[in-house]
Amino acid sequence: MKAIKAAYLRLAKIYHPDALVTKSTPEDVTKSINADFSSIRAAYEELWMLAVPEGDDVLEPEPAAAFLG
């Protein structure tokens, strides 16, 4: 799980919309950036759920914002 989290953190820092979108970013580019990050987040959550034992609701993926500090 550490390798998955490390990969997610690396990608989150690169592709997070807060790091890429400015006021002058065209709307279509902003949508693409948001979609890319949503895909990264969804993949992380899917892998996290596969790693967590069935019925264990204590562990949940950490929000992306926690990694960008």
C-alpha atoms as a PDB file:
ATOM      1  CA  MET A   1       0.000   0.000   0.000  1.00  0.00           C
ATOM      2  CA  LYS A   2       2.944   2.347   0.623  1.00  0.00           C
ATOM      3  CA  ALA A   3       3.972   2.192  -3.050  1.00  0.00           C
ATOM      4  CA  ILE A   4       0.415   3.001  -4.156  1.00  0.00           C
ATOM      5  CA  LYS A   5       0.219   5.943  -1.766  1.00  0.00           C
ATOM      6  CA  ALA A   6       3.642   7.213  -2.842  1.00  0.00           C
ATOM      7  CA  ALA A   7       2.641   7.055  -6.511  1.00  0.00           C
ATOM      8  CA  TYR A   8      -0.617   8.837  -5.745  1.00  0.00           C
ATOM      9  CA  LEU A   9       1.156  11.590  -3.821  1.00  0.00           C
ATOM     10  CA  ARG A  10       3.604  12.105  -6.676  1.00  0.00           C
ATOM     11  CA  LEU A  11       0.811  12.335  -9.240  1.00  0.00           C
ATOM     12  CA  ALA A  12      -1.368  14.519  -6.992  1.00  0.00           C
ATOM     13  CA  LYS A  13       1.403  17.088  -6.685  1.00  0.00           C
ATOM     14  CA  ILE A  14       1.865  17.151 -10.455  1.00  0.00           C
ATOM     15  CA  TYR A  15      -1.768  17.016 -11.638  1.00  0.00           C
ATOM     16  CA  HIS A  16      -3.790  18.666  -8.862  1.00  0.00           C
ATOM     17  CA  PRO A  17      -5.986  21.411 -10.366  1.00  0.00           C
ATOM     18  CA  ASP A  18      -4.908  23.907  -7.703  1.00  0.00           C
ATOM     19  CA  ALA A  19      -1.349  23.598  -8.985  1.00  0.00           C
ATOM     20  CA  LEU A  20      -2.251  23.923 -12.670  1.00  0.00           C
ATOM     21  CA  VAL A  21      -5.309  26.121 -13.126  1.00  0.00           C
ATOM     22  CA  THR A  22      -5.071  29.895 -13.110  1.00  0.00           C
ATOM     23  CA  LYS A  23      -7.578  32.608 -13.942  1.00  0.00           C
ATOM     24  CA  SER A  24      -6.247  32.702 -17.498  1.00  0.00           C
ATOM     25  CA  THR A  25      -6.530  28.937 -18.065  1.00  0.00           C
ATOM     26  CA  PRO A  26      -9.071  28.238 -20.836  1.00  0.00           C
ATOM     27  CA  GLU A  27     -12.233  26.448 -19.699  1.00  0.00           C
ATOM     28  CA  ASP A  28     -11.634  23.388 -21.894  1.00  0.00           C
ATOM     29  CA  VAL A  29      -8.138  22.967 -20.430  1.00  0.00           C
ATOM     30  CA  THR A  30      -9.512  23.372 -16.906  1.00  0.00           C
ATOM     31  CA  LYS A  31     -12.076  20.638 -17.568  1.00  0.00           C
ATOM     32  CA  SER A  32      -9.355  18.353 -18.917  1.00  0.00           C
ATOM     33  CA  ILE A  33      -7.156  18.981 -15.872  1.00  0.00           C
ATOM     34  CA  ASN A  34     -10.056  18.249 -13.525  1.00  0.00           C
ATOM     35  CA  ALA A  35     -10.906  15.061 -15.431  1.00  0.00           C
ATOM     36  CA  ASP A  36      -7.296  13.879 -15.302  1.00  0.00           C
ATOM     37  CA  PHE A  37      -7.098  14.428 -11.568  1.00  0.00           C
ATOM     38  CA  SER A  38     -10.471  12.767 -11.025  1.00  0.00           C
ATOM     39  CA  SER A  39      -9.171   9.689 -12.852  1.00  0.00           C
ATOM     40  CA  ILE A  40      -6.055   9.605 -10.684  1.00  0.00           C
ATOM     41  CA  ARG A  41      -8.150   9.972  -7.523  1.00  0.00           C
ATOM     42  CA  ALA A  42     -10.615   7.276  -8.615  1.00  0.00           C
ATOM     43  CA  ALA A  43      -7.791   4.837  -9.335  1.00  0.00           C
ATOM     44  CA  TYR A  44      -6.253   5.512  -5.928  1.00  0.00           C
ATOM     45  CA  GLU A  45      -9.581   4.970  -4.177  1.00  0.00           C
ATOM     46  CA  GLU A  46     -10.176   1.739  -6.098  1.00  0.00           C
ATOM     47  CA  LEU A  47      -6.756   0.389  -5.169  1.00  0.00           C
ATOM     48  CA  TRP A  48      -7.250   1.483  -1.567  1.00  0.00           C
ATOM     49  CA  MET A  49     -10.559  -0.371  -1.346  1.00  0.00           C
ATOM     50  CA  LEU A  50      -8.953  -3.514  -2.751  1.00  0.00           C
ATOM     51  CA  ALA A  51      -6.258  -3.304  -0.066  1.00  0.00           C
ATOM     52  CA  VAL A  52      -8.692  -2.786   2.842  1.00  0.00           C
ATOM     53  CA  PRO A  53     -10.275  -5.900   4.391  1.00  0.00           C
ATOM     54  CA  GLU A  54     -13.981  -6.389   3.611  1.00  0.00           C
ATOM     55  CA  GLY A  55     -16.237  -4.607   6.098  1.00  0.00           C
ATOM     56  CA  ASP A  56     -13.429  -2.511   7.600  1.00  0.00           C
ATOM     57  CA  ASP A  57     -14.840   1.009   7.465  1.00  0.00           C
ATOM     58  CA  VAL A  58     -12.178   2.474   9.756  1.00  0.00           C
ATOM     59  CA  LEU A  59      -9.659   2.969   6.976  1.00  0.00           C
ATOM     60  CA  GLU A  60     -10.577   5.388   4.232  1.00  0.00           C
ATOM     61  CA  PRO A  61      -8.467   7.052   1.550  1.00  0.00           C
ATOM     62  CA  GLU A  62      -7.070  10.338   2.737  1.00  0.00           C
ATOM     63  CA  PRO A  63      -8.323  13.442   0.902  1.00  0.00           C
ATOM     64  CA  ALA A  64      -6.052  14.780  -1.790  1.00  0.00           C
ATOM     65  CA  ALA A  65      -5.754  18.142  -0.051  1.00  0.00           C
ATOM     66  CA  ALA A  66      -3.985  16.465   2.862  1.00  0.00           C
ATOM     67  CA  PHE A  67      -1.054  15.634   0.587  1.00  0.00           C
ATOM     68  CA  LEU A  68      -0.544  19.024  -0.968  1.00  0.00           C
ATOM     69  CA  GLY A  69       0.078  20.907   2.269  1.00  0.00           C
END
